[in-house]
Amino acid sequence: MLRIGLDVMGGDFAPQAAVQGAVMAVDALGGDSRLVLFGDEKQIRDILREENCPAERFDIVHTSQVIEMGDHPAKAFQQKTDSSIVVGFKYLDAGKIDGFASAGSTGAMMVGSMQAIKPIKGVIRPTISTTIPTVAGGRALLLDVGLNVDCKPEVLEQYGLLGSIYAEAVLGIKNPRVAILNIGEEESKGNIQSKAAHDLMRQSKAYNFVGNVEGSHLFSGKVADVIVCDGFVGNTLLKTCEGLYRINQAMHIGSDSPFWQEMNYEHVGGTPVLGVGASVVVGHGCSSPLAIKNMVLSMERCAQVHLTEKLQQAFK
């Protein structure tokens, strides 16, 4: 049985939104999956009672502390040993759960990923990624979206492999096309970083590298399935997409279009941390119950396809 851990104390609207999202997710999970909730047991049970959902449908691990958004991530992880995030990582490290998700402090989640779980041997820097919709009706993977704002070419080259494995295993894209985001399609275009990364990726036989992709082709689905960039560019692009979605909703411009609906972060749910030794998903701080539900389902999918094992095998 897969045991999916969820921090219900993390996020702007926790624990209410997190528990409501867990209730939404429990009916969508596979029959061999069990949701494990980490947080204040009394609050969890009170909310479940309000939602008319039996507490027996979940495993509940009581924790007495919360790592707040304003806490220093490393210090809080060290000092708040009975917080929902720290206890969740302890369970993950001990193999008591198969994945851990939280919409809480991203910094604390990364401290746990790097210190409690540790990067996969051979991975220079883990990364966080997100999917973006394409007008063709599918999804493309964008990485990094904020973890490493400055990346050496060797790191970007590894992102190509991490992204390719994720796209094939989780998104179901066979032989995904990997490209590096650049200011032009020609090999000669770009800064020193992107040119050097292009050379390394072109030499790689580990994935299907197709060259440079311009920003105008990101959502076409015609050029690439995996788009590699550093975290500065990726995070800027991600927040631009979020802003466009909000404008679309406010102005009611084609709001019923599946493309625009897939731009909604709630449908993505969370951002997987790629390159660490267990399945970890980080959600948006303002996650709604729907976003929490989809974050849990994203985690379940990563565990079902044995994503971590596939990444470990690739870097042996």
C-alpha atoms as a PDB file:
ATOM      1  CA  MET A   1       0.000   0.000   0.000  1.00  0.00           C
ATOM      2  CA  LEU A   2       1.202   3.509  -0.859  1.00  0.00           C
ATOM      3  CA  ARG A   3       1.197   5.885   2.082  1.00  0.00           C
ATOM      4  CA  ILE A   4       1.015   9.536   1.050  1.00  0.00           C
ATOM      5  CA  GLY A   5       2.004  12.081   3.693  1.00  0.00           C
ATOM      6  CA  LEU A   6       0.338  15.516   3.824  1.00  0.00           C
ATOM      7  CA  ASP A   7       1.295  18.438   6.048  1.00  0.00           C
ATOM      8  CA  VAL A   8      -2.060  19.937   7.024  1.00  0.00           C
ATOM      9  CA  MET A   9      -0.542  22.814   9.020  1.00  0.00           C
ATOM     10  CA  GLY A  10       1.236  24.408   6.058  1.00  0.00           C
ATOM     11  CA  GLY A  11      -0.209  27.135   3.851  1.00  0.00           C
ATOM     12  CA  ASP A  12      -2.009  30.441   4.212  1.00  0.00           C
ATOM     13  CA  PHE A  13      -5.366  28.799   4.895  1.00  0.00           C
ATOM     14  CA  ALA A  14      -4.234  25.837   6.972  1.00  0.00           C
ATOM     15  CA  PRO A  15      -5.413  23.657   8.506  1.00  0.00           C
ATOM     16  CA  GLN A  16      -8.914  24.212   7.085  1.00  0.00           C
ATOM     17  CA  ALA A  17      -7.999  24.213   3.397  1.00  0.00           C
ATOM     18  CA  ALA A  18      -5.510  21.357   3.784  1.00  0.00           C
ATOM     19  CA  VAL A  19      -7.965  19.062   5.537  1.00  0.00           C
ATOM     20  CA  GLN A  20     -10.739  19.953   3.094  1.00  0.00           C
ATOM     21  CA  GLY A  21      -8.331  19.161   0.253  1.00  0.00           C
ATOM     22  CA  ALA A  22      -7.508  15.834   1.900  1.00  0.00           C
ATOM     23  CA  VAL A  23     -11.229  15.015   2.039  1.00  0.00           C
ATOM     24  CA  MET A  24     -11.515  15.810  -1.676  1.00  0.00           C
ATOM     25  CA  ALA A  25      -8.440  13.707  -2.447  1.00  0.00           C
ATOM     26  CA  VAL A  26      -9.356  10.616  -0.448  1.00  0.00           C
ATOM     27  CA  ASP A  27     -12.136   9.664  -2.878  1.00  0.00           C
ATOM     28  CA  ALA A  28      -9.864  10.219  -5.890  1.00  0.00           C
ATOM     29  CA  LEU A  29      -6.920   8.165  -4.604  1.00  0.00           C
ATOM     30  CA  GLY A  30      -6.396   4.618  -5.782  1.00  0.00           C
ATOM     31  CA  GLY A  31      -7.617   1.743  -3.673  1.00  0.00           C
ATOM     32  CA  ASP A  32      -4.067   0.866  -2.632  1.00  0.00           C
ATOM     33  CA  SER A  33      -3.248   4.384  -1.358  1.00  0.00           C
ATOM     34  CA  ARG A  34      -3.628   5.712   2.179  1.00  0.00           C
ATOM     35  CA  LEU A  35      -3.421   9.385   3.155  1.00  0.00           C
ATOM     36  CA  VAL A  36      -1.395  10.213   6.285  1.00  0.00           C
ATOM     37  CA  LEU A  37      -2.137  13.616   7.836  1.00  0.00           C
ATOM     38  CA  PHE A  38       0.513  15.422   9.899  1.00  0.00           C
ATOM     39  CA  GLY A  39      -0.678  18.159  12.239  1.00  0.00           C
ATOM     40  CA  ASP A  40      -2.720  19.049  15.296  1.00  0.00           C
ATOM     41  CA  GLU A  41      -4.973  16.029  15.783  1.00  0.00           C
ATOM     42  CA  LYS A  42      -7.793  17.905  17.533  1.00  0.00           C
ATOM     43  CA  GLN A  43      -8.037  20.476  14.767  1.00  0.00           C
ATOM     44  CA  ILE A  44      -7.897  17.769  12.117  1.00  0.00           C
ATOM     45  CA  ARG A  45     -10.689  15.769  13.734  1.00  0.00           C
ATOM     46  CA  ASP A  46     -12.835  18.878  14.261  1.00  0.00           C
ATOM     47  CA  ILE A  47     -12.589  19.841  10.582  1.00  0.00           C
ATOM     48  CA  LEU A  48     -13.248  16.273   9.441  1.00  0.00           C
ATOM     49  CA  ARG A  49     -16.361  16.284  11.624  1.00  0.00           C
ATOM     50  CA  GLU A  50     -17.506  19.529   9.987  1.00  0.00           C
ATOM     51  CA  GLU A  51     -16.955  17.914   6.591  1.00  0.00           C
ATOM     52  CA  ASN A  52     -18.905  14.796   7.629  1.00  0.00           C
ATOM     53  CA  CYS A  53     -15.875  12.681   6.790  1.00  0.00           C
ATOM     54  CA  PRO A  54     -14.927   9.792   9.125  1.00  0.00           C
ATOM     55  CA  ALA A  55     -11.460  10.245  10.617  1.00  0.00           C
ATOM     56  CA  GLU A  56     -10.901   6.514  10.127  1.00  0.00           C
ATOM     57  CA  ARG A  57     -10.401   7.133   6.422  1.00  0.00           C
ATOM     58  CA  PHE A  58      -7.011   8.660   7.273  1.00  0.00           C
ATOM     59  CA  ASP A  59      -3.983   7.979   9.417  1.00  0.00           C
ATOM     60  CA  ILE A  60      -3.349  10.961  11.692  1.00  0.00           C
ATOM     61  CA  VAL A  61       0.066  11.757  13.158  1.00  0.00           C
ATOM     62  CA  HIS A  62      -0.233  14.393  15.885  1.00  0.00           C
ATOM     63  CA  THR A  63       2.314  17.217  15.899  1.00  0.00           C
ATOM     64  CA  SER A  64       2.421  20.147  18.298  1.00  0.00           C
ATOM     65  CA  GLN A  65       4.427  22.746  16.361  1.00  0.00           C
ATOM     66  CA  VAL A  66       4.194  24.634  13.073  1.00  0.00           C
ATOM     67  CA  ILE A  67       6.983  26.112  10.951  1.00  0.00           C
ATOM     68  CA  GLU A  68       5.598  29.507   9.999  1.00  0.00           C
ATOM     69  CA  MET A  69       6.223  31.243   6.683  1.00  0.00           C
ATOM     70  CA  GLY A  70       8.255  33.918   8.456  1.00  0.00           C
ATOM     71  CA  ASP A  71      10.518  31.480  10.303  1.00  0.00           C
ATOM     72  CA  HIS A  72      14.125  31.031   9.245  1.00  0.00           C
ATOM     73  CA  PRO A  73      13.892  27.680   7.388  1.00  0.00           C
ATOM     74  CA  ALA A  74      17.114  26.054   8.630  1.00  0.00           C
ATOM     75  CA  LYS A  75      16.765  27.252  12.223  1.00  0.00           C
ATOM     76  CA  ALA A  76      13.093  26.306  12.402  1.00  0.00           C
ATOM     77  CA  PHE A  77      13.777  22.844  10.982  1.00  0.00           C
ATOM     78  CA  GLN A  78      16.414  22.323  13.674  1.00  0.00           C
ATOM     79  CA  GLN A  79      14.470  23.825  16.577  1.00  0.00           C
ATOM     80  CA  LYS A  80      10.851  22.862  15.867  1.00  0.00           C
ATOM     81  CA  THR A  81      11.413  19.130  15.958  1.00  0.00           C
ATOM     82  CA  ASP A  82       7.741  18.341  16.576  1.00  0.00           C
ATOM     83  CA  SER A  83       6.481  20.450  13.676  1.00  0.00           C
ATOM     84  CA  SER A  84       4.379  18.875  10.942  1.00  0.00           C
ATOM     85  CA  ILE A  85       7.123  19.364   8.333  1.00  0.00           C
ATOM     86  CA  VAL A  86       9.963  17.934  10.423  1.00  0.00           C
ATOM     87  CA  VAL A  87       7.933  14.935  11.608  1.00  0.00           C
ATOM     88  CA  GLY A  88       6.745  14.341   8.037  1.00  0.00           C
ATOM     89  CA  PHE A  89      10.334  14.184   6.811  1.00  0.00           C
ATOM     90  CA  LYS A  90      11.245  11.830   9.662  1.00  0.00           C
ATOM     91  CA  TYR A  91       8.520   9.463   8.504  1.00  0.00           C
ATOM     92  CA  LEU A  92       9.654   9.810   4.892  1.00  0.00           C
ATOM     93  CA  ASP A  93      13.283   9.128   5.778  1.00  0.00           C
ATOM     94  CA  ALA A  94      12.257   6.078   7.825  1.00  0.00           C
ATOM     95  CA  GLY A  95      10.175   4.673   4.967  1.00  0.00           C
ATOM     96  CA  LYS A  96       6.917   4.997   6.912  1.00  0.00           C
ATOM     97  CA  ILE A  97       5.431   7.039   4.059  1.00  0.00           C
ATOM     98  CA  ASP A  98       6.154   6.910   0.327  1.00  0.00           C
ATOM     99  CA  GLY A  99       5.950  10.634  -0.317  1.00  0.00           C
ATOM    100  CA  PHE A 100       5.449  13.916   1.515  1.00  0.00           C
ATOM    101  CA  ALA A 101       3.615  17.041   0.362  1.00  0.00           C
ATOM    102  CA  SER A 102       3.157  20.470   1.919  1.00  0.00           C
ATOM    103  CA  ALA A 103       1.922  23.935   1.013  1.00  0.00           C
ATOM    104  CA  GLY A 104       3.916  25.319   3.926  1.00  0.00           C
ATOM    105  CA  SER A 105       7.341  26.937   4.064  1.00  0.00           C
ATOM    106  CA  THR A 106       9.159  26.204   0.804  1.00  0.00           C
ATOM    107  CA  GLY A 107      12.463  26.923   2.540  1.00  0.00           C
ATOM    108  CA  ALA A 108      11.785  24.370   5.264  1.00  0.00           C
ATOM    109  CA  MET A 109      10.678  21.813   2.670  1.00  0.00           C
ATOM    110  CA  MET A 110      13.943  22.292   0.824  1.00  0.00           C
ATOM    111  CA  VAL A 111      15.948  22.015   4.053  1.00  0.00           C
ATOM    112  CA  GLY A 112      14.197  18.704   4.711  1.00  0.00           C
ATOM    113  CA  SER A 113      14.782  17.535   1.161  1.00  0.00           C
ATOM    114  CA  MET A 114      18.489  18.342   1.289  1.00  0.00           C
ATOM    115  CA  GLN A 115      19.288  17.349   4.890  1.00  0.00           C
ATOM    116  CA  ALA A 116      16.824  14.648   5.897  1.00  0.00           C
ATOM    117  CA  ILE A 117      16.432  12.946   2.500  1.00  0.00           C
ATOM    118  CA  LYS A 118      19.548  14.221   0.695  1.00  0.00           C
ATOM    119  CA  PRO A 119      20.133  14.551  -3.049  1.00  0.00           C
ATOM    120  CA  ILE A 120      20.487  11.510  -5.259  1.00  0.00           C
ATOM    121  CA  LYS A 121      24.156  10.620  -5.654  1.00  0.00           C
ATOM    122  CA  GLY A 122      25.449  12.252  -8.815  1.00  0.00           C
ATOM    123  CA  VAL A 123      22.898  15.075  -8.900  1.00  0.00           C
ATOM    124  CA  ILE A 124      24.703  18.400  -8.658  1.00  0.00           C
ATOM    125  CA  ARG A 125      21.632  20.400  -7.651  1.00  0.00           C
ATOM    126  CA  PRO A 126      18.042  19.209  -7.251  1.00  0.00           C
ATOM    127  CA  THR A 127      15.398  21.296  -8.998  1.00  0.00           C
ATOM    128  CA  ILE A 128      11.736  22.176  -8.800  1.00  0.00           C
ATOM    129  CA  SER A 129       9.543  22.006 -11.864  1.00  0.00           C
ATOM    130  CA  THR A 130       6.014  22.703 -13.004  1.00  0.00           C
ATOM    131  CA  THR A 131       3.816  21.781 -15.939  1.00  0.00           C
ATOM    132  CA  ILE A 132       2.419  24.365 -18.338  1.00  0.00           C
ATOM    133  CA  PRO A 133      -0.495  23.825 -20.741  1.00  0.00           C
ATOM    134  CA  THR A 134      -0.072  23.699 -24.498  1.00  0.00           C
ATOM    135  CA  VAL A 135      -2.601  24.687 -27.134  1.00  0.00           C
ATOM    136  CA  ALA A 136      -2.274  21.156 -28.503  1.00  0.00           C
ATOM    137  CA  GLY A 137      -4.071  19.957 -25.379  1.00  0.00           C
ATOM    138  CA  GLY A 138      -1.088  18.450 -23.568  1.00  0.00           C
ATOM    139  CA  ARG A 139       1.408  19.699 -21.037  1.00  0.00           C
ATOM    140  CA  ALA A 140       5.054  20.662 -21.111  1.00  0.00           C
ATOM    141  CA  LEU A 141       7.467  20.554 -18.183  1.00  0.00           C
ATOM    142  CA  LEU A 142       9.378  23.677 -17.163  1.00  0.00           C
ATOM    143  CA  LEU A 143      12.428  23.513 -14.868  1.00  0.00           C
ATOM    144  CA  ASP A 144      13.915  25.099 -12.801  1.00  0.00           C
ATOM    145  CA  VAL A 145      11.143  27.411 -11.548  1.00  0.00           C
ATOM    146  CA  GLY A 146      12.844  29.015  -8.583  1.00  0.00           C
ATOM    147  CA  LEU A 147      15.135  26.767  -6.577  1.00  0.00           C
ATOM    148  CA  ASN A 148      18.464  27.659  -8.235  1.00  0.00           C
ATOM    149  CA  VAL A 149      18.485  31.171  -9.662  1.00  0.00           C
ATOM    150  CA  ASP A 150      22.069  30.827 -10.920  1.00  0.00           C
ATOM    151  CA  CYS A 151      22.981  27.613 -12.729  1.00  0.00           C
ATOM    152  CA  LYS A 152      26.198  26.367 -14.242  1.00  0.00           C
ATOM    153  CA  PRO A 153      25.891  24.719 -17.680  1.00  0.00           C
ATOM    154  CA  GLU A 154      26.509  21.295 -16.094  1.00  0.00           C
ATOM    155  CA  VAL A 155      23.484  21.816 -13.846  1.00  0.00           C
ATOM    156  CA  LEU A 156      21.256  22.781 -16.762  1.00  0.00           C
ATOM    157  CA  GLU A 157      22.437  19.701 -18.642  1.00  0.00           C
ATOM    158  CA  GLN A 158      21.342  17.525 -15.721  1.00  0.00           C
ATOM    159  CA  TYR A 159      17.966  19.262 -15.678  1.00  0.00           C
ATOM    160  CA  GLY A 160      17.474  17.874 -19.162  1.00  0.00           C
ATOM    161  CA  LEU A 161      17.836  14.333 -17.840  1.00  0.00           C
ATOM    162  CA  LEU A 162      15.737  14.926 -14.705  1.00  0.00           C
ATOM    163  CA  GLY A 163      12.999  16.538 -16.769  1.00  0.00           C
ATOM    164  CA  SER A 164      13.056  13.858 -19.444  1.00  0.00           C
ATOM    165  CA  ILE A 165      12.616  11.050 -16.915  1.00  0.00           C
ATOM    166  CA  TYR A 166       9.788  12.898 -15.150  1.00  0.00           C
ATOM    167  CA  ALA A 167       7.993  13.729 -18.396  1.00  0.00           C
ATOM    168  CA  GLU A 168       8.086  10.112 -19.541  1.00  0.00           C
ATOM    169  CA  ALA A 169       7.283   8.468 -16.195  1.00  0.00           C
ATOM    170  CA  VAL A 170       4.702  10.885 -14.774  1.00  0.00           C
ATOM    171  CA  LEU A 171       3.296  12.780 -17.776  1.00  0.00           C
ATOM    172  CA  GLY A 172       3.337   9.729 -20.051  1.00  0.00           C
ATOM    173  CA  ILE A 173       5.251  11.415 -22.897  1.00  0.00           C
ATOM    174  CA  LYS A 174       7.278   8.897 -24.882  1.00  0.00           C
ATOM    175  CA  ASN A 175      10.791  10.016 -25.802  1.00  0.00           C
ATOM    176  CA  PRO A 176      10.119  13.602 -24.668  1.00  0.00           C
ATOM    177  CA  ARG A 177      11.747  16.429 -26.612  1.00  0.00           C
ATOM    178  CA  VAL A 178      14.125  18.412 -24.409  1.00  0.00           C
ATOM    179  CA  ALA A 179      15.033  22.013 -25.242  1.00  0.00           C
ATOM    180  CA  ILE A 180      16.784  24.907 -23.549  1.00  0.00           C
ATOM    181  CA  LEU A 181      14.950  28.226 -23.321  1.00  0.00           C
ATOM    182  CA  ASN A 182      16.816  30.853 -25.323  1.00  0.00           C
ATOM    183  CA  ILE A 183      16.413  34.123 -27.218  1.00  0.00           C
ATOM    184  CA  GLY A 184      16.627  32.361 -30.563  1.00  0.00           C
ATOM    185  CA  GLU A 185      16.526  28.901 -32.095  1.00  0.00           C
ATOM    186  CA  GLU A 186      19.993  29.135 -33.663  1.00  0.00           C
ATOM    187  CA  GLU A 187      22.888  27.462 -31.865  1.00  0.00           C
ATOM    188  CA  SER A 188      24.836  30.720 -31.902  1.00  0.00           C
ATOM    189  CA  LYS A 189      22.189  32.590 -29.904  1.00  0.00           C
ATOM    190  CA  GLY A 190      22.200  33.230 -26.163  1.00  0.00           C
ATOM    191  CA  ASN A 191      24.548  34.147 -23.349  1.00  0.00           C
ATOM    192  CA  ILE A 192      27.654  32.233 -22.274  1.00  0.00           C
ATOM    193  CA  GLN A 193      25.624  30.046 -19.926  1.00  0.00           C
ATOM    194  CA  SER A 194      23.030  28.954 -22.483  1.00  0.00           C
ATOM    195  CA  LYS A 195      25.619  28.376 -25.235  1.00  0.00           C
ATOM    196  CA  ALA A 196      27.734  26.151 -22.991  1.00  0.00           C
ATOM    197  CA  ALA A 197      24.648  24.274 -21.776  1.00  0.00           C
ATOM    198  CA  HIS A 198      23.538  23.787 -25.381  1.00  0.00           C
ATOM    199  CA  ASP A 199      26.881  22.183 -26.249  1.00  0.00           C
ATOM    200  CA  LEU A 200      26.674  19.796 -23.270  1.00  0.00           C
ATOM    201  CA  MET A 201      23.063  18.838 -23.945  1.00  0.00           C
ATOM    202  CA  ARG A 202      23.731  18.265 -27.630  1.00  0.00           C
ATOM    203  CA  GLN A 203      26.459  15.773 -26.721  1.00  0.00           C
ATOM    204  CA  SER A 204      24.259  13.856 -24.293  1.00  0.00           C
ATOM    205  CA  LYS A 205      22.858  10.508 -25.402  1.00  0.00           C
ATOM    206  CA  ALA A 206      20.651  10.176 -22.317  1.00  0.00           C
ATOM    207  CA  TYR A 207      17.685  12.119 -23.691  1.00  0.00           C
ATOM    208  CA  ASN A 208      16.160  13.563 -26.847  1.00  0.00           C
ATOM    209  CA  PHE A 209      17.683  17.040 -27.088  1.00  0.00           C
ATOM    210  CA  VAL A 210      16.119  19.183 -29.833  1.00  0.00           C
ATOM    211  CA  GLY A 211      18.013  22.453 -29.356  1.00  0.00           C
ATOM    212  CA  ASN A 212      16.854  25.919 -28.377  1.00  0.00           C
ATOM    213  CA  VAL A 213      13.253  27.015 -27.926  1.00  0.00           C
ATOM    214  CA  GLU A 214      12.057  30.616 -27.940  1.00  0.00           C
ATOM    215  CA  GLY A 215       9.543  31.953 -25.447  1.00  0.00           C
ATOM    216  CA  SER A 216       6.962  32.367 -28.202  1.00  0.00           C
ATOM    217  CA  HIS A 217       6.821  28.564 -28.624  1.00  0.00           C
ATOM    218  CA  LEU A 218       6.479  27.600 -24.961  1.00  0.00           C
ATOM    219  CA  PHE A 219       2.754  26.934 -25.128  1.00  0.00           C
ATOM    220  CA  SER A 220       2.570  25.558 -28.659  1.00  0.00           C
ATOM    221  CA  GLY A 221       3.505  21.983 -27.846  1.00  0.00           C
ATOM    222  CA  LYS A 222       5.138  21.767 -31.280  1.00  0.00           C
ATOM    223  CA  VAL A 223       8.782  22.217 -30.324  1.00  0.00           C
ATOM    224  CA  ALA A 224       9.505  20.750 -26.887  1.00  0.00           C
ATOM    225  CA  ASP A 225       8.030  18.717 -24.052  1.00  0.00           C
ATOM    226  CA  VAL A 226      10.710  19.622 -21.487  1.00  0.00           C
ATOM    227  CA  ILE A 227      11.975  23.210 -21.286  1.00  0.00           C
ATOM    228  CA  VAL A 228      15.175  23.865 -19.342  1.00  0.00           C
ATOM    229  CA  CYS A 229      16.164  27.217 -17.818  1.00  0.00           C
ATOM    230  CA  ASP A 230      17.657  28.572 -14.613  1.00  0.00           C
ATOM    231  CA  GLY A 231      15.444  29.319 -11.620  1.00  0.00           C
ATOM    232  CA  PHE A 232      15.501  33.079 -12.134  1.00  0.00           C
ATOM    233  CA  VAL A 233      14.057  32.854 -15.629  1.00  0.00           C
ATOM    234  CA  GLY A 234      11.745  29.966 -14.753  1.00  0.00           C
ATOM    235  CA  ASN A 235      10.243  31.644 -11.696  1.00  0.00           C
ATOM    236  CA  THR A 236       9.719  34.884 -13.625  1.00  0.00           C
ATOM    237  CA  LEU A 237       7.933  32.947 -16.350  1.00  0.00           C
ATOM    238  CA  LEU A 238       5.842  30.976 -13.827  1.00  0.00           C
ATOM    239  CA  LYS A 239       4.621  34.136 -12.100  1.00  0.00           C
ATOM    240  CA  THR A 240       3.901  35.733 -15.469  1.00  0.00           C
ATOM    241  CA  CYS A 241       1.622  32.779 -16.237  1.00  0.00           C
ATOM    242  CA  GLU A 242      -0.113  33.154 -12.877  1.00  0.00           C
ATOM    243  CA  GLY A 243      -0.650  36.848 -13.582  1.00  0.00           C
ATOM    244  CA  LEU A 244      -2.061  36.157 -17.040  1.00  0.00           C
ATOM    245  CA  TYR A 245      -4.515  33.678 -15.554  1.00  0.00           C
ATOM    246  CA  ARG A 246      -5.729  36.219 -12.991  1.00  0.00           C
ATOM    247  CA  ILE A 247      -6.172  38.834 -15.716  1.00  0.00           C
ATOM    248  CA  ASN A 248      -8.076  36.294 -17.800  1.00  0.00           C
ATOM    249  CA  GLN A 249     -10.391  35.524 -14.899  1.00  0.00           C
ATOM    250  CA  ALA A 250     -10.958  39.191 -14.091  1.00  0.00           C
ATOM    251  CA  MET A 251     -11.727  40.143 -17.693  1.00  0.00           C
ATOM    252  CA  HIS A 252     -13.556  36.899 -18.617  1.00  0.00           C
ATOM    253  CA  ILE A 253     -11.446  36.408 -21.724  1.00  0.00           C
ATOM    254  CA  GLY A 254     -12.047  32.869 -22.907  1.00  0.00           C
ATOM    255  CA  SER A 255     -12.287  31.692 -19.315  1.00  0.00           C
ATOM    256  CA  ASP A 256     -14.059  28.484 -20.355  1.00  0.00           C
ATOM    257  CA  SER A 257     -11.144  27.402 -22.547  1.00  0.00           C
ATOM    258  CA  PRO A 258      -9.372  24.250 -21.283  1.00  0.00           C
ATOM    259  CA  PHE A 259      -6.052  25.966 -22.038  1.00  0.00           C
ATOM    260  CA  TRP A 260      -6.782  28.816 -19.646  1.00  0.00           C
ATOM    261  CA  GLN A 261      -8.198  26.497 -17.015  1.00  0.00           C
ATOM    262  CA  GLU A 262      -4.983  24.481 -17.080  1.00  0.00           C
ATOM    263  CA  MET A 263      -3.069  27.712 -16.419  1.00  0.00           C
ATOM    264  CA  ASN A 264      -4.712  27.752 -12.984  1.00  0.00           C
ATOM    265  CA  TYR A 265      -2.157  26.695 -10.354  1.00  0.00           C
ATOM    266  CA  GLU A 266      -4.933  24.827  -8.504  1.00  0.00           C
ATOM    267  CA  HIS A 267      -5.030  22.238 -11.288  1.00  0.00           C
ATOM    268  CA  VAL A 268      -1.271  21.681 -11.065  1.00  0.00           C
ATOM    269  CA  GLY A 269      -1.400  21.305  -7.293  1.00  0.00           C
ATOM    270  CA  GLY A 270       2.276  21.244  -6.423  1.00  0.00           C
ATOM    271  CA  THR A 271       5.849  21.330  -7.577  1.00  0.00           C
ATOM    272  CA  PRO A 272       7.872  18.101  -7.379  1.00  0.00           C
ATOM    273  CA  VAL A 273      11.425  18.343  -6.074  1.00  0.00           C
ATOM    274  CA  LEU A 274      13.493  16.407  -8.615  1.00  0.00           C
ATOM    275  CA  GLY A 275      16.867  14.954  -7.699  1.00  0.00           C
ATOM    276  CA  VAL A 276      16.365  14.034  -4.035  1.00  0.00           C
ATOM    277  CA  GLY A 277      16.135  10.550  -2.592  1.00  0.00           C
ATOM    278  CA  ALA A 278      12.361  10.419  -2.032  1.00  0.00           C
ATOM    279  CA  SER A 279       9.157  11.881  -3.449  1.00  0.00           C
ATOM    280  CA  VAL A 280       8.599  15.441  -2.209  1.00  0.00           C
ATOM    281  CA  VAL A 281       6.016  17.903  -3.543  1.00  0.00           C
ATOM    282  CA  VAL A 282       5.811  21.571  -2.564  1.00  0.00           C
ATOM    283  CA  GLY A 283       2.525  23.430  -2.958  1.00  0.00           C
ATOM    284  CA  HIS A 284       1.654  27.096  -3.389  1.00  0.00           C
ATOM    285  CA  GLY A 285       1.383  28.980  -0.091  1.00  0.00           C
ATOM    286  CA  CYS A 286      -2.131  30.170  -0.948  1.00  0.00           C
ATOM    287  CA  SER A 287      -3.299  26.668  -1.879  1.00  0.00           C
ATOM    288  CA  SER A 288      -7.061  26.124  -1.895  1.00  0.00           C
ATOM    289  CA  PRO A 289      -8.677  22.758  -1.106  1.00  0.00           C
ATOM    290  CA  LEU A 290      -8.669  21.971  -4.850  1.00  0.00           C
ATOM    291  CA  ALA A 291      -4.945  22.713  -5.067  1.00  0.00           C
ATOM    292  CA  ILE A 292      -4.291  20.503  -2.031  1.00  0.00           C
ATOM    293  CA  LYS A 293      -6.269  17.687  -3.636  1.00  0.00           C
ATOM    294  CA  ASN A 294      -4.262  17.888  -6.850  1.00  0.00           C
ATOM    295  CA  MET A 295      -0.998  18.148  -4.914  1.00  0.00           C
ATOM    296  CA  VAL A 296      -1.857  14.861  -3.187  1.00  0.00           C
ATOM    297  CA  LEU A 297      -2.750  13.206  -6.493  1.00  0.00           C
ATOM    298  CA  SER A 298       0.508  14.449  -8.021  1.00  0.00           C
ATOM    299  CA  MET A 299       2.392  12.876  -5.138  1.00  0.00           C
ATOM    300  CA  GLU A 300       0.511   9.611  -5.552  1.00  0.00           C
ATOM    301  CA  ARG A 301       1.422   9.512  -9.254  1.00  0.00           C
ATOM    302  CA  CYS A 302       5.131  10.050  -8.493  1.00  0.00           C
ATOM    303  CA  ALA A 303       5.043   7.178  -6.001  1.00  0.00           C
ATOM    304  CA  GLN A 304       3.062   4.881  -8.300  1.00  0.00           C
ATOM    305  CA  VAL A 305       5.561   5.143 -11.153  1.00  0.00           C
ATOM    306  CA  HIS A 306       8.575   4.793  -8.798  1.00  0.00           C
ATOM    307  CA  LEU A 307       9.969   8.120  -9.997  1.00  0.00           C
ATOM    308  CA  THR A 308      12.738   8.304  -7.383  1.00  0.00           C
ATOM    309  CA  GLU A 309      14.003   4.847  -8.286  1.00  0.00           C
ATOM    310  CA  LYS A 310      14.055   5.768 -11.989  1.00  0.00           C
ATOM    311  CA  LEU A 311      16.081   8.901 -11.244  1.00  0.00           C
ATOM    312  CA  GLN A 312      18.499   6.991  -9.004  1.00  0.00           C
ATOM    313  CA  GLN A 313      19.039   4.404 -11.711  1.00  0.00           C
ATOM    314  CA  ALA A 314      19.725   7.102 -14.309  1.00  0.00           C
ATOM    315  CA  PHE A 315      22.444   8.698 -12.185  1.00  0.00           C
ATOM    316  CA  LYS A 316      24.240   5.475 -11.234  1.00  0.00           C
END
